[in-house]
C-alpha atoms as a PDB file:
ATOM      1  CA  MET A   1       0.000   0.000   0.000  1.00  0.00           C
ATOM      2  CA  LEU A   2       1.195   3.502  -0.796  1.00  0.00           C
ATOM      3  CA  ALA A   3       1.648   5.738   2.231  1.00  0.00           C
ATOM      4  CA  ILE A   4       0.268   9.254   1.736  1.00  0.00           C
ATOM      5  CA  SER A   5       1.415  11.834   4.250  1.00  0.00           C
ATOM      6  CA  PRO A   6      -0.755  14.792   5.286  1.00  0.00           C
ATOM      7  CA  HIS A   7       1.674  17.064   3.418  1.00  0.00           C
ATOM      8  CA  ASP A   8       1.493  15.206   0.104  1.00  0.00           C
ATOM      9  CA  ARG A   9      -0.557  16.687  -2.702  1.00  0.00           C
ATOM     10  CA  VAL A  10      -2.635  13.991  -4.361  1.00  0.00           C
ATOM     11  CA  PHE A  11      -3.805  13.764  -7.955  1.00  0.00           C
ATOM     12  CA  ILE A  12      -5.692  10.632  -8.907  1.00  0.00           C
ATOM     13  CA  LEU A  13      -6.427   9.948 -12.554  1.00  0.00           C
ATOM     14  CA  THR A  14      -8.453   6.820 -13.111  1.00  0.00           C
ATOM     15  CA  GLY A  15      -9.575   5.206 -16.309  1.00  0.00           C
ATOM     16  CA  ALA A  16     -12.280   3.077 -17.803  1.00  0.00           C
ATOM     17  CA  ARG A  17     -11.481  -0.007 -15.723  1.00  0.00           C
ATOM     18  CA  VAL A  18     -12.790   1.685 -12.572  1.00  0.00           C
ATOM     19  CA  SER A  19     -16.172   2.200 -14.243  1.00  0.00           C
ATOM     20  CA  ALA A  20     -16.036  -1.263 -15.822  1.00  0.00           C
ATOM     21  CA  GLU A  21     -15.942  -2.779 -12.326  1.00  0.00           C
ATOM     22  CA  SER A  22     -19.386  -1.238 -11.811  1.00  0.00           C
ATOM     23  CA  GLY A  23     -20.731  -2.713 -15.020  1.00  0.00           C
ATOM     24  CA  ILE A  24     -20.133   0.319 -17.242  1.00  0.00           C
ATOM     25  CA  PRO A  25     -18.510  -1.111 -20.370  1.00  0.00           C
ATOM     26  CA  THR A  26     -15.282   0.320 -21.674  1.00  0.00           C
ATOM     27  CA  PHE A  27     -15.453   1.926 -25.089  1.00  0.00           C
ATOM     28  CA  ARG A  28     -13.511  -0.851 -26.769  1.00  0.00           C
ATOM     29  CA  GLY A  29     -14.526  -3.696 -24.453  1.00  0.00           C
ATOM     30  CA  VAL A  30     -14.612  -7.268 -25.725  1.00  0.00           C
ATOM     31  CA  GLY A  31     -17.786  -7.873 -27.691  1.00  0.00           C
ATOM     32  CA  GLY A  32     -18.863  -4.269 -27.338  1.00  0.00           C
ATOM     33  CA  PHE A  33     -20.848  -2.654 -30.131  1.00  0.00           C
ATOM     34  CA  TRP A  34     -18.775   0.524 -29.904  1.00  0.00           C
ATOM     35  CA  ARG A  35     -15.419  -1.170 -30.471  1.00  0.00           C
ATOM     36  CA  ASN A  36     -16.033  -0.763 -34.224  1.00  0.00           C
ATOM     37  CA  TYR A  37     -16.014   3.038 -33.887  1.00  0.00           C
ATOM     38  CA  ARG A  38     -13.371   5.566 -33.002  1.00  0.00           C
ATOM     39  CA  ILE A  39     -14.439   7.661 -30.023  1.00  0.00           C
ATOM     40  CA  ALA A  40     -14.587  10.824 -32.155  1.00  0.00           C
ATOM     41  CA  GLU A  41     -17.141   9.138 -34.424  1.00  0.00           C
ATOM     42  CA  VAL A  42     -19.717   9.084 -31.633  1.00  0.00           C
ATOM     43  CA  THR A  43     -18.743  11.888 -29.235  1.00  0.00           C
ATOM     44  CA  SER A  44     -17.746  14.989 -31.193  1.00  0.00           C
ATOM     45  CA  PRO A  45     -19.695  17.912 -32.653  1.00  0.00           C
ATOM     46  CA  ILE A  46     -18.569  16.755 -36.107  1.00  0.00           C
ATOM     47  CA  ALA A  47     -20.041  13.308 -35.389  1.00  0.00           C
ATOM     48  CA  TRP A  48     -23.314  14.951 -34.336  1.00  0.00           C
ATOM     49  CA  HIS A  49     -23.526  16.855 -37.609  1.00  0.00           C
ATOM     50  CA  ARG A  50     -22.632  13.754 -39.602  1.00  0.00           C
ATOM     51  CA  ASP A  51     -24.864  11.206 -37.836  1.00  0.00           C
ATOM     52  CA  PRO A  52     -26.901  12.551 -34.891  1.00  0.00           C
ATOM     53  CA  GLN A  53     -28.824   9.273 -34.595  1.00  0.00           C
ATOM     54  CA  LEU A  54     -25.613   7.310 -33.972  1.00  0.00           C
ATOM     55  CA  VAL A  55     -24.383   9.850 -31.404  1.00  0.00           C
ATOM     56  CA  TRP A  56     -27.768   9.824 -29.671  1.00  0.00           C
ATOM     57  CA  LYS A  57     -27.740   6.023 -29.592  1.00  0.00           C
ATOM     58  CA  PHE A  58     -24.271   6.010 -28.024  1.00  0.00           C
ATOM     59  CA  TYR A  59     -25.137   8.474 -25.249  1.00  0.00           C
ATOM     60  CA  SER A  60     -28.517   6.846 -24.596  1.00  0.00           C
ATOM     61  CA  MET A  61     -26.768   3.525 -24.040  1.00  0.00           C
ATOM     62  CA  ARG A  62     -24.248   5.194 -21.702  1.00  0.00           C
ATOM     63  CA  ARG A  63     -26.987   6.870 -19.652  1.00  0.00           C
ATOM     64  CA  ARG A  64     -29.014   3.655 -19.387  1.00  0.00           C
ATOM     65  CA  VAL A  65     -26.034   1.576 -18.270  1.00  0.00           C
ATOM     66  CA  ALA A  66     -24.659   4.203 -15.866  1.00  0.00           C
ATOM     67  CA  SER A  67     -28.037   4.745 -14.207  1.00  0.00           C
ATOM     68  CA  ALA A  68     -28.150   1.050 -13.276  1.00  0.00           C
ATOM     69  CA  ALA A  69     -24.519   0.869 -12.095  1.00  0.00           C
ATOM     70  CA  LYS A  70     -23.542   0.718  -8.430  1.00  0.00           C
ATOM     71  CA  PRO A  71     -20.345   2.087  -6.848  1.00  0.00           C
ATOM     72  CA  ASN A  72     -17.546  -0.465  -6.543  1.00  0.00           C
ATOM     73  CA  PRO A  73     -14.732  -0.761  -3.976  1.00  0.00           C
ATOM     74  CA  ALA A  74     -12.474   1.610  -5.955  1.00  0.00           C
ATOM     75  CA  ASN A  75     -15.203   4.282  -5.975  1.00  0.00           C
ATOM     76  CA  PHE A  76     -15.627   3.896  -2.209  1.00  0.00           C
ATOM     77  CA  ALA A  77     -11.860   3.981  -1.605  1.00  0.00           C
ATOM     78  CA  LEU A  78     -11.496   7.201  -3.610  1.00  0.00           C
ATOM     79  CA  ALA A  79     -14.486   8.776  -1.868  1.00  0.00           C
ATOM     80  CA  ASN A  80     -13.057   7.772   1.514  1.00  0.00           C
ATOM     81  CA  LEU A  81      -9.638   9.219   0.711  1.00  0.00           C
ATOM     82  CA  ARG A  82     -11.217  12.442  -0.543  1.00  0.00           C
ATOM     83  CA  THR A  83     -13.412  12.789   2.558  1.00  0.00           C
ATOM     84  CA  ARG A  84     -10.524  12.187   4.977  1.00  0.00           C
ATOM     85  CA  ARG A  85      -8.232  14.628   3.216  1.00  0.00           C
ATOM     86  CA  LEU A  86     -10.879  17.341   2.906  1.00  0.00           C
ATOM     87  CA  ARG A  87     -11.643  17.023   6.629  1.00  0.00           C
ATOM     88  CA  ASN A  88      -7.975  17.778   7.269  1.00  0.00           C
ATOM     89  CA  GLY A  89      -7.899  20.737   4.858  1.00  0.00           C
ATOM     90  CA  GLN A  90      -5.655  18.951   2.383  1.00  0.00           C
ATOM     91  CA  VAL A  91      -5.714  19.606  -1.349  1.00  0.00           C
ATOM     92  CA  ASN A  92      -6.864  16.901  -3.743  1.00  0.00           C
ATOM     93  CA  GLU A  93      -7.438  16.763  -7.468  1.00  0.00           C
ATOM     94  CA  TYR A  94      -9.362  14.027  -9.247  1.00  0.00           C
ATOM     95  CA  GLY A  95      -9.875  13.233 -12.906  1.00  0.00           C
ATOM     96  CA  HIS A  96     -11.822  10.531 -14.657  1.00  0.00           C
ATOM     97  CA  GLU A  97     -12.121   9.839 -18.360  1.00  0.00           C
ATOM     98  CA  ILE A  98     -15.422   7.963 -18.376  1.00  0.00           C
ATOM     99  CA  ALA A  99     -18.952   9.240 -17.762  1.00  0.00           C
ATOM    100  CA  ASP A 100     -19.903   7.609 -14.501  1.00  0.00           C
ATOM    101  CA  PHE A 101     -21.421   8.541 -11.150  1.00  0.00           C
ATOM    102  CA  TRP A 102     -19.911  12.001 -10.841  1.00  0.00           C
ATOM    103  CA  VAL A 103     -20.397  13.069 -14.439  1.00  0.00           C
ATOM    104  CA  LEU A 104     -23.994  11.876 -14.564  1.00  0.00           C
ATOM    105  CA  GLY A 105     -24.882  13.836 -11.466  1.00  0.00           C
ATOM    106  CA  ARG A 106     -25.478  10.831  -9.214  1.00  0.00           C
ATOM    107  CA  GLY A 107     -22.974  12.237  -6.769  1.00  0.00           C
ATOM    108  CA  ARG A 108     -19.948  10.477  -5.400  1.00  0.00           C
ATOM    109  CA  PRO A 109     -20.381   7.352  -3.329  1.00  0.00           C
ATOM    110  CA  GLU A 110     -20.306   7.999   0.390  1.00  0.00           C
ATOM    111  CA  PRO A 111     -17.466   6.217   2.198  1.00  0.00           C
END
């Protein structure tokens, strides 16, 4: 386990695997419909102008899957770390590349 001192500044950047543990498929996951597309083909303004139905289908699937997902141990561990450090007035920065609980407005899981 990594020891984090009260004086350390923490930046945590997670990826798709954290969301995948909650049942949110990765973009290029095995057997996934979206693995045949580049991300820009379904998530950019250019994609919207080219094929709004495809873009809508992609985001509708993401919303449906994310709304049924439940926080996993990694989500709880990150929420716990954030809560402890904020209580102590310590600075934290978090980033996440996948639309999941925070992005969809479900809030972060409580530790």
